[in-house]
Amino acid sequence: MLNNIGLPGLLLIAVVVLVLFGRGKISSLMGEVGKGITAFKRGVTDGTEEIEKEHADTARDVTPEESKDKV
């Protein structure tokens, strides 16, 4: 159904949205979308770093379990 929109259809939709919401509202909405994308990327990066740090800690700890209990 949506496979046949094409460039003229997309331009028509963009013009209708611009007329309905106005340039200022669309601009502020796109700014919020950008902030959301930035926050998402930051969260993914922080999660990746946390997982890598956890794996590095477990890889560094090679003492047997019996030795850990005595110390």
N, C-alpha and C. Protein backbone atom coordinates (compact mmCIF):
# COMPACT_ATOMS: atom_id res chain seq x y z
N MET A 1 0.82 -1.20 0.00
CA MET A 1 0.00 0.00 0.00
C MET A 1 0.86 1.26 0.00
N LEU A 2 1.85 1.32 0.89
CA LEU A 2 2.71 2.51 0.97
C LEU A 2 3.92 2.42 0.05
N ASN A 3 4.02 1.38 -0.74
CA ASN A 3 5.17 1.22 -1.63
C ASN A 3 5.15 2.20 -2.79
N ASN A 4 4.00 2.78 -3.13
CA ASN A 4 3.89 3.61 -4.32
C ASN A 4 3.78 5.10 -4.00
N ILE A 5 4.25 5.54 -2.84
CA ILE A 5 4.12 6.95 -2.49
C ILE A 5 5.03 7.80 -3.38
N GLY A 6 6.29 7.51 -3.41
CA GLY A 6 7.22 8.24 -4.26
C GLY A 6 7.56 9.62 -3.73
N LEU A 7 8.40 10.32 -4.44
CA LEU A 7 8.85 11.65 -4.04
C LEU A 7 7.73 12.69 -4.06
N PRO A 8 6.89 12.75 -5.08
CA PRO A 8 5.81 13.74 -5.04
C PRO A 8 4.86 13.55 -3.86
N GLY A 9 4.57 12.31 -3.53
CA GLY A 9 3.70 12.03 -2.40
C GLY A 9 4.34 12.46 -1.08
N LEU A 10 5.63 12.20 -0.92
CA LEU A 10 6.33 12.62 0.29
C LEU A 10 6.37 14.14 0.41
N LEU A 11 6.58 14.82 -0.70
CA LEU A 11 6.59 16.28 -0.67
C LEU A 11 5.21 16.83 -0.30
N LEU A 12 4.16 16.22 -0.82
CA LEU A 12 2.81 16.64 -0.49
C LEU A 12 2.53 16.44 1.01
N ILE A 13 2.94 15.31 1.54
CA ILE A 13 2.76 15.06 2.98
C ILE A 13 3.54 16.07 3.80
N ALA A 14 4.77 16.38 3.40
CA ALA A 14 5.58 17.36 4.12
C ALA A 14 4.92 18.74 4.11
N VAL A 15 4.36 19.14 2.98
CA VAL A 15 3.69 20.45 2.89
C VAL A 15 2.45 20.48 3.78
N VAL A 16 1.67 19.41 3.78
CA VAL A 16 0.47 19.35 4.62
C VAL A 16 0.85 19.43 6.10
N VAL A 17 1.87 18.69 6.50
CA VAL A 17 2.32 18.73 7.91
C VAL A 17 2.81 20.13 8.26
N LEU A 18 3.54 20.77 7.36
CA LEU A 18 4.04 22.12 7.61
C LEU A 18 2.90 23.11 7.77
N VAL A 19 1.87 22.97 6.95
CA VAL A 19 0.72 23.88 7.03
C VAL A 19 -0.05 23.63 8.33
N LEU A 20 -0.23 22.37 8.70
CA LEU A 20 -1.01 22.06 9.89
C LEU A 20 -0.31 22.48 11.19
N PHE A 21 0.96 22.22 11.30
CA PHE A 21 1.65 22.44 12.56
C PHE A 21 2.48 23.72 12.60
N GLY A 22 2.89 24.23 11.50
CA GLY A 22 3.70 25.44 11.47
C GLY A 22 5.18 25.13 11.63
N ARG A 23 6.00 26.05 11.15
CA ARG A 23 7.44 25.84 11.14
C ARG A 23 8.02 25.78 12.54
N GLY A 24 7.56 26.62 13.45
CA GLY A 24 8.11 26.65 14.81
C GLY A 24 7.86 25.37 15.57
N LYS A 25 6.66 24.83 15.45
CA LYS A 25 6.31 23.60 16.16
C LYS A 25 7.13 22.42 15.63
N ILE A 26 7.27 22.35 14.32
CA ILE A 26 8.05 21.26 13.72
C ILE A 26 9.52 21.38 14.11
N SER A 27 10.03 22.60 14.15
CA SER A 27 11.42 22.83 14.53
C SER A 27 11.67 22.37 15.97
N SER A 28 10.78 22.74 16.88
CA SER A 28 10.96 22.34 18.27
C SER A 28 10.79 20.82 18.42
N LEU A 29 9.90 20.23 17.65
CA LEU A 29 9.71 18.79 17.71
C LEU A 29 10.96 18.06 17.22
N MET A 30 11.56 18.53 16.16
CA MET A 30 12.78 17.91 15.66
C MET A 30 13.94 18.07 16.64
N GLY A 31 13.97 19.19 17.35
CA GLY A 31 14.98 19.38 18.40
C GLY A 31 14.82 18.36 19.50
N GLU A 32 13.59 18.10 19.90
CA GLU A 32 13.33 17.09 20.94
C GLU A 32 13.69 15.69 20.44
N VAL A 33 13.42 15.41 19.19
CA VAL A 33 13.78 14.11 18.62
C VAL A 33 15.31 13.96 18.64
N GLY A 34 16.02 15.01 18.29
CA GLY A 34 17.48 14.98 18.33
C GLY A 34 18.02 14.73 19.73
N LYS A 35 17.42 15.38 20.73
CA LYS A 35 17.83 15.17 22.12
C LYS A 35 17.57 13.73 22.54
N GLY A 36 16.45 13.18 22.11
CA GLY A 36 16.12 11.80 22.44
C GLY A 36 17.10 10.82 21.82
N ILE A 37 17.48 11.06 20.58
CA ILE A 37 18.45 10.19 19.91
C ILE A 37 19.79 10.27 20.61
N THR A 38 20.21 11.47 21.00
CA THR A 38 21.47 11.65 21.71
C THR A 38 21.45 10.92 23.05
N ALA A 39 20.35 11.03 23.79
CA ALA A 39 20.24 10.34 25.07
C ALA A 39 20.27 8.83 24.88
N PHE A 40 19.62 8.34 23.84
CA PHE A 40 19.62 6.90 23.56
C PHE A 40 21.03 6.41 23.25
N LYS A 41 21.75 7.15 22.42
CA LYS A 41 23.13 6.76 22.08
C LYS A 41 24.01 6.76 23.31
N ARG A 42 23.84 7.77 24.18
CA ARG A 42 24.62 7.86 25.41
C ARG A 42 24.32 6.66 26.31
N GLY A 43 23.05 6.27 26.41
CA GLY A 43 22.67 5.12 27.21
C GLY A 43 23.27 3.83 26.68
N VAL A 44 23.26 3.66 25.36
CA VAL A 44 23.84 2.47 24.76
C VAL A 44 25.33 2.42 25.02
N THR A 45 26.01 3.56 24.89
CA THR A 45 27.45 3.62 25.13
C THR A 45 27.76 3.30 26.59
N ASP A 46 27.01 3.88 27.52
CA ASP A 46 27.22 3.61 28.94
C ASP A 46 26.99 2.14 29.26
N GLY A 47 25.97 1.56 28.70
CA GLY A 47 25.70 0.14 28.92
C GLY A 47 26.80 -0.74 28.38
N THR A 48 27.30 -0.41 27.20
CA THR A 48 28.38 -1.18 26.60
C THR A 48 29.64 -1.09 27.45
N GLU A 49 29.97 0.12 27.93
CA GLU A 49 31.14 0.29 28.77
C GLU A 49 30.99 -0.48 30.08
N GLU A 50 29.79 -0.49 30.65
CA GLU A 50 29.56 -1.22 31.90
C GLU A 50 29.74 -2.72 31.69
N ILE A 51 29.24 -3.24 30.59
CA ILE A 51 29.39 -4.67 30.30
C ILE A 51 30.85 -5.01 30.07
N GLU A 52 31.57 -4.17 29.34
CA GLU A 52 32.99 -4.43 29.08
C GLU A 52 33.79 -4.38 30.38
N LYS A 53 33.46 -3.44 31.26
CA LYS A 53 34.16 -3.35 32.54
C LYS A 53 33.89 -4.60 33.38
N GLU A 54 32.66 -5.08 33.37
CA GLU A 54 32.31 -6.28 34.12
C GLU A 54 33.07 -7.49 33.60
N HIS A 55 33.16 -7.60 32.28
CA HIS A 55 33.90 -8.71 31.70
C HIS A 55 35.39 -8.59 31.99
N ALA A 56 35.92 -7.38 32.01
CA ALA A 56 37.33 -7.19 32.32
C ALA A 56 37.62 -7.57 33.77
N ASP A 57 36.73 -7.24 34.69
CA ASP A 57 36.91 -7.59 36.09
C ASP A 57 36.89 -9.10 36.29
N THR A 58 35.97 -9.78 35.64
CA THR A 58 35.90 -11.24 35.80
C THR A 58 37.07 -11.91 35.10
N ALA A 59 37.57 -11.35 34.03
CA ALA A 59 38.71 -11.94 33.34
C ALA A 59 39.99 -11.76 34.14
N ARG A 60 40.11 -10.68 34.89
CA ARG A 60 41.29 -10.41 35.68
C ARG A 60 41.36 -11.31 36.91
N ASP A 61 40.23 -11.70 37.47
CA ASP A 61 40.18 -12.49 38.68
C ASP A 61 40.30 -13.97 38.34
N VAL A 62 41.53 -14.52 38.44
CA VAL A 62 41.78 -15.89 38.05
C VAL A 62 42.14 -16.77 39.24
N THR A 63 42.02 -16.26 40.46
CA THR A 63 42.35 -17.07 41.63
C THR A 63 41.27 -18.14 41.83
N PRO A 64 41.68 -19.31 42.29
CA PRO A 64 40.70 -20.37 42.55
C PRO A 64 39.76 -19.97 43.70
N GLU A 65 38.60 -20.55 43.73
CA GLU A 65 37.60 -20.23 44.74
C GLU A 65 38.11 -20.56 46.14
N GLU A 66 38.86 -21.62 46.32
CA GLU A 66 39.36 -22.01 47.64
C GLU A 66 40.30 -20.95 48.20
N SER A 67 41.13 -20.37 47.35
CA SER A 67 42.08 -19.35 47.80
C SER A 67 41.36 -18.08 48.21
N LYS A 68 40.26 -17.77 47.55
CA LYS A 68 39.50 -16.56 47.89
C LYS A 68 38.91 -16.66 49.29
N ASP A 69 38.43 -17.84 49.65
CA ASP A 69 37.80 -18.02 50.95
C ASP A 69 38.79 -17.89 52.09
N LYS A 70 40.02 -18.26 51.90
CA LYS A 70 41.04 -18.21 52.96
C LYS A 70 41.54 -16.80 53.19
N VAL A 71 41.46 -15.94 52.20
CA VAL A 71 42.00 -14.58 52.31
C VAL A 71 41.05 -13.65 52.95
